[in-house]
Amino acid sequence: MSFESVRDREKSCLAQTYGRYQVALDSGRGARCVDVEGKKYVDFTSGIGVNALGYCDEGWVQAVTGQLNKLQHASNLFYTEPMIQAAQMLTSRTGMKRVFFANSGAEANEGAIKAARKYSYDKYGQGRATILSLRNSFHGRTVTTLSATGQDVFHNFFFPFTQGFAYAPANDIQGTLDMLTSDVCAVMMEMVQGEGGVVPLNYDYVQAVARACAQKDILVIVDEVQTGMGRTGTLFAYEQFDIAPDLVSSAKGLGGGLPIGAVLLGEKTQDTLGLGQHGTTFGGNPVVCAGACEVLRRLDAPFLQGVCQMGAYLRARLEEMPGIEQVTGLGMMLGATLSKGDAKSVSARCAQNGLLILTAKEKLRLLPPLTLTREDADEGLEILEKTLASF
């Protein structure tokens, strides 16, 4: 099969909503994949942070296929063990109290938004429903999560957008505290703004906002869709900021390659959503949750220590690489500012040279599988360095 035939078929039948790389993938193992014409790649994207254990990890495949051979789906009118097990693993690891399973990061953020507003309505009545998110944030592509996203470029075309959102200046303590007015029910933050350019929040900023929210009974929502599941070196990135959120959204790496979203509800919010007040047909699917359980089993302390070590190694190599001015991020979620060439052109040429790498605004973005080996890392970095030298 040729790439051209795949591309032409895609254009004939799929909505043209993605600017795809000129690569048609066919198979993969670990951090390496192969396209339909047999060309091999090192992958620093992991499906935008989804394939936490890499392509076709043996333990993950066994967990998923084992469940698939037992029960592929049951509605939430019935109990299933994988869903309960995944929820227990999340609550025991985090201290959060309950979990609601959805199907994506956007759905998880929608669930967190609903829970925050319901909590405030139950306690204070109407008129206290504003969610304060941060400028440069990204929370999803539904109408409501686009509204929550603090980037003007996303607030187009789909009018009218959901009301009830305001945008605070990230890492500006006083500027944010001044916006914690009486109509605000929650603050929504990413510890590292991924789509916004891999920009971490400052520790002191997060601490100050969390303290002010606690004093005013304003909920703290942490969007961990991209930063969660070990990506930054801890199970969730908020652990590195020493806060206890009221609501946490998770997705991407949680399923290891299958679609899942999760809302983790804390002490205040654990009983906020009652019968019939939220739901989804596919949330908590037993096959997907079996995959999530395998991911969670693997993310133990030694594994997370390895993520920290590999993240430090990647950062050090990038910082000394000609053509890179600055490196931002945490763990194995890194952004590289270029001194020459633009990120989109560099990433496209990297793909031609056998390295798959992402962009975030003007930066290159690295989200390799958490199982990345030193050998795979070195080969990918060598391709990147040679590609940068060609600009």
Protein backbone atom coordinates (compact mmCIF):
# COMPACT_ATOMS: atom_id res chain seq x y z
CA MET A 1 0.00 0.00 0.00
CA SER A 2 1.38 3.42 -0.92
CA PHE A 3 1.17 6.57 1.17
CA GLU A 4 -0.51 8.36 -1.73
CA SER A 5 -3.36 5.86 -1.88
CA VAL A 6 -3.98 6.20 1.87
CA ARG A 7 -3.92 9.99 1.63
CA ASP A 8 -6.30 10.08 -1.31
CA ARG A 9 -8.78 7.75 0.38
CA GLU A 10 -8.64 9.87 3.54
CA LYS A 11 -9.47 13.02 1.59
CA SER A 12 -12.45 11.33 -0.05
CA CYS A 13 -14.24 10.24 3.10
CA LEU A 14 -12.99 11.99 6.26
CA ALA A 15 -13.77 15.50 7.48
CA GLN A 16 -10.73 17.64 6.78
CA THR A 17 -10.22 18.82 10.35
CA TYR A 18 -6.59 17.77 10.88
CA GLY A 19 -3.32 19.02 9.40
CA ARG A 20 -1.77 15.57 9.25
CA TYR A 21 1.91 14.81 8.83
CA GLN A 22 2.75 13.09 5.58
CA VAL A 23 2.98 9.74 7.34
CA ALA A 24 0.54 6.79 7.33
CA LEU A 25 1.36 4.55 10.27
CA ASP A 26 0.85 0.81 10.14
CA SER A 27 2.43 -0.82 13.21
CA GLY A 28 4.59 -0.12 16.22
CA ARG A 29 6.36 -1.53 19.26
CA GLY A 30 7.62 0.52 22.17
CA ALA A 31 8.86 3.90 20.92
CA ARG A 32 9.26 2.76 17.33
CA CYS A 33 6.71 2.53 14.55
CA VAL A 34 6.53 1.67 10.86
CA ASP A 35 4.49 3.27 8.09
CA VAL A 36 2.55 1.56 5.31
CA GLU A 37 5.58 1.65 3.02
CA GLY A 38 7.89 0.06 5.60
CA LYS A 39 9.74 3.20 6.70
CA LYS A 40 10.75 3.16 10.38
CA TYR A 41 10.44 5.99 12.89
CA VAL A 42 11.38 6.85 16.45
CA ASP A 43 8.26 8.28 18.07
CA PHE A 44 8.50 11.20 20.51
CA THR A 45 4.72 11.81 20.35
CA SER A 46 3.09 8.69 21.87
CA GLY A 47 -0.21 9.64 20.29
CA ILE A 48 -0.04 13.08 21.96
CA GLY A 49 0.76 11.54 25.31
CA VAL A 50 -1.73 8.66 25.08
CA ASN A 51 0.53 5.63 24.57
CA ALA A 52 2.12 5.94 28.00
CA LEU A 53 3.61 2.44 27.79
CA GLY A 54 4.50 2.77 24.10
CA TYR A 55 3.05 0.88 21.17
CA CYS A 56 1.61 -2.58 21.84
CA ASP A 57 3.13 -3.09 25.29
CA GLU A 58 2.88 -6.80 26.06
CA GLY A 59 1.30 -6.49 29.51
CA TRP A 60 -1.18 -3.88 28.34
CA VAL A 61 -2.18 -5.97 25.30
CA GLN A 62 -2.73 -9.02 27.50
CA ALA A 63 -4.87 -7.04 29.95
CA VAL A 64 -7.02 -5.57 27.19
CA THR A 65 -7.44 -8.74 25.14
CA GLY A 66 -8.09 -10.80 28.26
CA GLN A 67 -11.01 -8.53 29.14
CA LEU A 68 -12.13 -8.34 25.51
CA ASN A 69 -12.54 -12.10 25.51
CA LYS A 70 -14.75 -11.90 28.62
CA LEU A 71 -17.01 -8.85 28.24
CA GLN A 72 -16.52 -5.99 25.80
CA HIS A 73 -19.21 -3.64 27.12
CA ALA A 74 -21.93 -3.36 29.71
CA SER A 75 -23.93 -0.24 30.38
CA ASN A 76 -23.62 1.64 33.63
CA LEU A 77 -26.89 0.07 34.73
CA PHE A 78 -24.69 -2.83 35.87
CA TYR A 79 -21.55 -3.26 37.99
CA THR A 80 -18.30 -4.37 36.35
CA GLU A 81 -15.08 -5.21 38.14
CA PRO A 82 -12.52 -3.40 35.89
CA MET A 83 -14.31 -0.06 36.37
CA ILE A 84 -14.38 -0.46 40.15
CA GLN A 85 -10.77 -1.61 40.25
CA ALA A 86 -9.57 1.35 38.17
CA ALA A 87 -11.47 3.77 40.41
CA GLN A 88 -10.05 2.21 43.57
CA MET A 89 -6.54 2.42 42.18
CA LEU A 90 -7.01 6.12 41.41
CA THR A 91 -8.53 7.02 44.76
CA SER A 92 -6.00 5.03 46.79
CA ARG A 93 -3.08 6.65 44.96
CA THR A 94 -4.40 10.22 45.22
CA GLY A 95 -6.56 10.53 48.32
CA MET A 96 -9.45 11.68 46.14
CA LYS A 97 -12.77 10.13 47.14
CA ARG A 98 -14.70 9.11 44.02
CA VAL A 99 -14.27 8.82 40.26
CA PHE A 100 -16.58 9.43 37.32
CA PHE A 101 -15.43 7.77 34.10
CA ALA A 102 -15.96 9.41 30.71
CA ASN A 103 -14.38 8.94 27.28
CA SER A 104 -11.98 11.84 26.68
CA GLY A 105 -10.21 14.78 28.24
CA ALA A 106 -12.84 17.23 27.05
CA GLU A 107 -15.58 15.09 28.61
CA ALA A 108 -13.61 14.87 31.85
CA ASN A 109 -13.31 18.65 31.94
CA GLU A 110 -17.03 19.00 31.19
CA GLY A 111 -17.73 16.70 34.13
CA ALA A 112 -15.47 18.73 36.41
CA ILE A 113 -17.17 21.97 35.34
CA LYS A 114 -20.61 20.50 36.01
CA ALA A 115 -19.55 19.21 39.41
CA ALA A 116 -18.08 22.59 40.41
CA ARG A 117 -21.21 24.47 39.44
CA LYS A 118 -23.48 21.93 41.09
CA TYR A 119 -21.46 22.14 44.33
CA SER A 120 -21.80 25.92 44.37
CA TYR A 121 -25.50 25.85 43.46
CA ASP A 122 -26.28 23.33 46.20
CA LYS A 123 -24.49 25.44 48.82
CA TYR A 124 -25.00 29.02 47.68
CA GLY A 125 -27.80 29.02 45.10
CA GLN A 126 -27.79 30.84 41.79
CA GLY A 127 -25.39 33.61 40.83
CA ARG A 128 -22.14 31.88 41.81
CA ALA A 129 -21.24 29.90 38.70
CA THR A 130 -18.25 31.60 37.08
CA ILE A 131 -15.24 29.37 36.41
CA LEU A 132 -11.94 31.23 36.35
CA SER A 133 -9.46 29.60 33.97
CA LEU A 134 -6.06 30.89 32.92
CA ARG A 135 -5.00 32.78 29.86
CA ASN A 136 -3.12 30.55 27.41
CA SER A 137 -4.91 27.46 28.74
CA PHE A 138 -6.50 24.68 26.72
CA HIS A 139 -9.30 22.47 28.06
CA GLY A 140 -10.94 20.78 25.05
CA ARG A 141 -12.95 21.24 21.87
CA THR A 142 -16.56 20.93 22.97
CA VAL A 143 -18.43 24.24 23.03
CA THR A 144 -18.12 24.46 26.82
CA THR A 145 -14.47 23.43 27.08
CA LEU A 146 -13.60 25.82 24.25
CA SER A 147 -15.26 28.49 26.39
CA ALA A 148 -13.08 27.42 29.30
CA THR A 149 -9.96 27.66 27.11
CA GLY A 150 -8.15 30.93 27.70
CA GLN A 151 -7.04 31.58 24.10
CA ASP A 152 -8.97 33.97 21.88
CA VAL A 153 -8.09 32.01 18.74
CA PHE A 154 -10.44 29.25 19.88
CA HIS A 155 -13.38 31.60 20.51
CA ASN A 156 -14.56 31.78 16.92
CA PHE A 157 -17.16 30.31 14.55
CA PHE A 158 -19.25 28.34 17.05
CA PHE A 159 -21.28 31.13 18.61
CA PRO A 160 -22.93 31.38 21.05
CA PHE A 161 -20.33 29.95 23.40
CA THR A 162 -21.21 28.75 26.89
CA GLN A 163 -21.25 31.62 29.34
CA GLY A 164 -19.76 31.75 32.80
CA PHE A 165 -15.99 31.79 32.19
CA ALA A 166 -13.36 34.42 32.91
CA TYR A 167 -9.62 34.33 32.27
CA ALA A 168 -6.93 35.18 34.79
CA PRO A 169 -3.29 35.96 33.98
CA ALA A 170 -1.24 32.81 34.59
CA ASN A 171 1.60 33.20 37.10
CA ASP A 172 0.34 36.67 38.11
CA ILE A 173 -0.63 36.18 41.76
CA GLN A 174 -2.27 39.52 42.46
CA GLY A 175 -3.90 39.67 39.03
CA THR A 176 -5.55 36.31 39.68
CA LEU A 177 -6.51 36.99 43.30
CA ASP A 178 -8.23 40.21 42.22
CA MET A 179 -10.52 38.12 40.00
CA LEU A 180 -11.72 35.81 42.80
CA THR A 181 -14.96 37.73 43.13
CA SER A 182 -18.21 36.63 44.76
CA ASP A 183 -19.58 35.07 41.57
CA VAL A 184 -16.63 32.65 41.13
CA CYS A 185 -17.21 29.02 42.07
CA ALA A 186 -13.94 27.46 40.83
CA VAL A 187 -10.48 28.08 39.40
CA MET A 188 -9.33 25.72 36.65
CA MET A 189 -5.61 25.25 36.04
CA GLU A 190 -3.14 23.10 34.11
CA MET A 191 0.09 22.70 36.07
CA VAL A 192 1.87 22.78 32.70
CA GLN A 193 0.02 24.49 29.88
CA GLY A 194 0.58 21.92 27.15
CA GLU A 195 -1.16 23.20 24.04
CA GLY A 196 -0.26 26.70 25.21
CA GLY A 197 3.45 26.04 24.64
CA VAL A 198 4.54 23.68 27.45
CA VAL A 199 4.53 26.47 30.04
CA PRO A 200 4.70 25.38 33.71
CA LEU A 201 2.95 27.36 36.41
CA ASN A 202 5.10 28.77 39.20
CA TYR A 203 4.99 26.95 42.53
CA ASP A 204 4.34 30.14 44.52
CA TYR A 205 1.53 31.12 42.16
CA VAL A 206 -0.27 27.79 42.52
CA GLN A 207 0.17 27.88 46.30
CA ALA A 208 -1.21 31.41 46.58
CA VAL A 209 -4.24 30.70 44.41
CA ALA A 210 -5.02 27.46 46.24
CA ARG A 211 -4.84 29.22 49.64
CA ALA A 212 -7.15 32.01 48.51
CA CYS A 213 -9.61 29.50 47.05
CA ALA A 214 -9.69 27.54 50.31
CA GLN A 215 -10.45 30.73 52.26
CA LYS A 216 -13.35 31.63 49.96
CA ASP A 217 -14.69 28.08 49.41
CA ILE A 218 -13.82 28.36 45.72
CA LEU A 219 -13.03 24.95 44.26
CA VAL A 220 -9.69 24.15 42.65
CA ILE A 221 -9.97 22.14 39.43
CA VAL A 222 -6.72 20.75 38.04
CA ASP A 223 -6.75 19.69 34.39
CA GLU A 224 -4.35 16.74 34.27
CA VAL A 225 -5.42 15.45 30.86
CA GLN A 226 -1.93 15.83 29.42
CA THR A 227 0.17 16.16 32.58
CA GLY A 228 -1.25 13.16 34.42
CA MET A 229 -0.38 9.46 34.49
CA GLY A 230 3.30 9.90 35.26
CA ARG A 231 4.01 12.29 32.42
CA THR A 232 5.76 14.85 34.63
CA GLY A 233 7.44 12.32 36.96
CA THR A 234 4.66 12.01 39.54
CA LEU A 235 1.33 10.28 39.04
CA PHE A 236 -0.28 13.72 38.75
CA ALA A 237 1.60 16.96 38.27
CA TYR A 238 -0.26 18.76 41.07
CA GLU A 239 1.66 16.60 43.57
CA GLN A 240 4.76 18.66 42.77
CA PHE A 241 2.91 21.83 43.79
CA ASP A 242 1.79 20.49 47.19
CA ILE A 243 -1.91 21.18 46.80
CA ALA A 244 -5.01 19.04 47.30
CA PRO A 245 -7.44 19.80 44.45
CA ASP A 246 -11.20 19.50 44.78
CA LEU A 247 -11.57 18.12 41.25
CA VAL A 248 -9.04 16.57 38.87
CA SER A 249 -9.59 15.65 35.23
CA SER A 250 -7.58 12.86 33.61
CA ALA A 251 -7.48 11.16 30.20
CA LYS A 252 -4.81 10.49 27.53
CA GLY A 253 -2.20 8.24 29.19
CA LEU A 254 -4.72 6.75 31.62
CA GLY A 255 -6.05 4.32 29.00
CA GLY A 256 -2.67 3.51 27.49
CA GLY A 257 -4.12 3.83 23.98
CA LEU A 258 -7.87 3.38 24.45
CA PRO A 259 -10.30 6.29 24.92
CA ILE A 260 -10.98 7.17 28.54
CA GLY A 261 -11.57 10.22 30.67
CA ALA A 262 -11.94 10.48 34.42
CA VAL A 263 -13.14 13.07 36.91
CA LEU A 264 -11.63 12.61 40.36
CA LEU A 265 -13.81 14.11 43.07
CA GLY A 266 -12.36 15.22 46.39
CA GLU A 267 -13.72 15.60 49.91
CA LYS A 268 -15.98 18.56 49.13
CA THR A 269 -17.32 17.28 45.83
CA GLN A 270 -17.54 13.52 46.32
CA ASP A 271 -21.34 13.49 46.69
CA THR A 272 -22.16 16.45 44.44
CA LEU A 273 -23.35 14.50 41.40
CA GLY A 274 -26.42 12.43 42.18
CA LEU A 275 -28.59 9.96 40.29
CA GLY A 276 -29.27 11.08 36.72
CA GLN A 277 -27.27 14.31 37.03
CA HIS A 278 -24.42 13.12 34.81
CA GLY A 279 -23.79 10.08 32.67
CA THR A 280 -22.35 8.54 29.52
CA THR A 281 -22.95 5.33 27.58
CA PHE A 282 -19.34 4.24 27.18
CA GLY A 283 -17.75 5.65 30.34
CA GLY A 284 -16.16 2.93 32.46
CA ASN A 285 -16.09 0.47 29.58
CA PRO A 286 -14.56 -2.76 30.97
CA VAL A 287 -12.00 -3.21 28.18
CA VAL A 288 -10.78 0.36 28.47
CA CYS A 289 -10.67 0.15 32.26
CA ALA A 290 -8.68 -3.09 32.06
CA GLY A 291 -6.09 -1.16 30.07
CA ALA A 292 -6.18 1.67 32.62
CA CYS A 293 -5.60 -0.79 35.46
CA GLU A 294 -2.49 -2.10 33.72
CA VAL A 295 -1.18 1.45 33.23
CA LEU A 296 -1.79 2.27 36.89
CA ARG A 297 -0.14 -0.97 38.03
CA ARG A 298 2.99 -0.09 36.09
CA LEU A 299 3.27 3.49 37.36
CA ASP A 300 4.90 2.57 40.65
CA ALA A 301 7.65 4.52 42.42
CA PRO A 302 10.62 2.98 40.53
CA PHE A 303 8.87 3.56 37.20
CA LEU A 304 8.17 7.21 38.05
CA GLN A 305 11.76 7.66 39.17
CA GLY A 306 12.79 6.40 35.74
CA VAL A 307 10.51 8.99 34.12
CA CYS A 308 12.24 11.72 36.11
CA GLN A 309 15.66 10.42 35.09
CA MET A 310 14.76 10.15 31.41
CA GLY A 311 13.14 13.58 31.50
CA ALA A 312 16.32 15.06 32.96
CA TYR A 313 18.42 13.30 30.32
CA LEU A 314 16.25 14.57 27.46
CA ARG A 315 16.30 18.10 28.86
CA ALA A 316 20.09 18.10 29.24
CA ARG A 317 20.63 16.84 25.70
CA LEU A 318 18.19 19.38 24.29
CA GLU A 319 19.70 22.30 26.20
CA GLU A 320 23.14 21.62 24.72
CA MET A 321 21.82 21.07 21.19
CA PRO A 322 22.66 23.73 18.58
CA GLY A 323 19.49 25.37 17.30
CA ILE A 324 17.62 25.19 20.62
CA GLU A 325 17.41 28.32 22.78
CA GLN A 326 15.37 27.16 25.76
CA VAL A 327 13.69 24.06 27.16
CA THR A 328 10.55 24.19 29.32
CA GLY A 329 8.30 21.62 30.96
CA LEU A 330 8.39 18.91 33.61
CA GLY A 331 9.50 15.28 33.41
CA MET A 332 8.88 13.83 29.97
CA MET A 333 6.66 16.72 28.88
CA LEU A 334 9.10 19.13 27.27
CA GLY A 335 8.99 22.11 24.94
CA ALA A 336 11.98 23.40 22.95
CA THR A 337 12.23 26.97 21.68
CA LEU A 338 14.15 27.12 18.40
CA SER A 339 16.82 29.64 17.45
CA LYS A 340 16.31 29.00 13.73
CA GLY A 341 13.54 27.52 11.65
CA ASP A 342 9.91 27.34 12.73
CA ALA A 343 8.53 24.45 14.74
CA LYS A 344 6.07 23.28 12.11
CA SER A 345 8.71 23.10 9.37
CA VAL A 346 11.24 21.43 11.67
CA SER A 347 8.76 18.80 12.84
CA ALA A 348 7.74 18.05 9.26
CA ARG A 349 11.37 17.55 8.23
CA CYS A 350 12.00 15.42 11.31
CA ALA A 351 9.23 13.10 10.11
CA GLN A 352 10.95 12.86 6.72
CA ASN A 353 14.15 11.94 8.56
CA GLY A 354 12.55 9.28 10.77
CA LEU A 355 11.54 11.12 13.95
CA LEU A 356 7.97 11.90 14.93
CA ILE A 357 7.78 15.01 17.11
CA LEU A 358 5.03 17.46 18.05
CA THR A 359 4.64 21.23 18.16
CA ALA A 360 3.01 23.60 20.64
CA LYS A 361 2.72 27.15 19.41
CA GLU A 362 6.27 28.16 18.37
CA LYS A 363 7.96 25.27 20.19
CA LEU A 364 8.79 21.69 19.44
CA ARG A 365 6.97 19.48 21.93
CA LEU A 366 8.22 16.12 23.18
CA LEU A 367 5.77 13.62 24.70
CA PRO A 368 7.59 10.31 24.19
CA PRO A 369 6.30 7.08 25.71
CA LEU A 370 7.21 6.81 29.37
CA THR A 371 8.99 3.54 28.56
CA LEU A 372 11.45 5.29 26.25
CA THR A 373 14.86 3.58 26.34
CA ARG A 374 18.20 5.36 26.24
CA GLU A 375 18.89 3.79 22.84
CA ASP A 376 15.63 5.09 21.37
CA ALA A 377 16.15 8.48 23.01
CA ASP A 378 19.65 8.83 21.58
CA GLU A 379 18.56 7.85 18.08
CA GLY A 380 15.67 10.29 18.14
CA LEU A 381 17.82 13.11 19.50
CA GLU A 382 20.47 12.45 16.84
CA ILE A 383 17.83 12.77 14.12
CA LEU A 384 16.58 15.99 15.70
CA GLU A 385 20.08 17.46 15.89
CA LYS A 386 20.83 16.62 12.25
CA THR A 387 17.48 18.06 11.21
CA LEU A 388 18.09 21.32 13.07
CA ALA A 389 21.50 21.59 11.40
CA SER A 390 19.78 21.60 8.00
CA PHE A 391 17.97 24.87 8.73
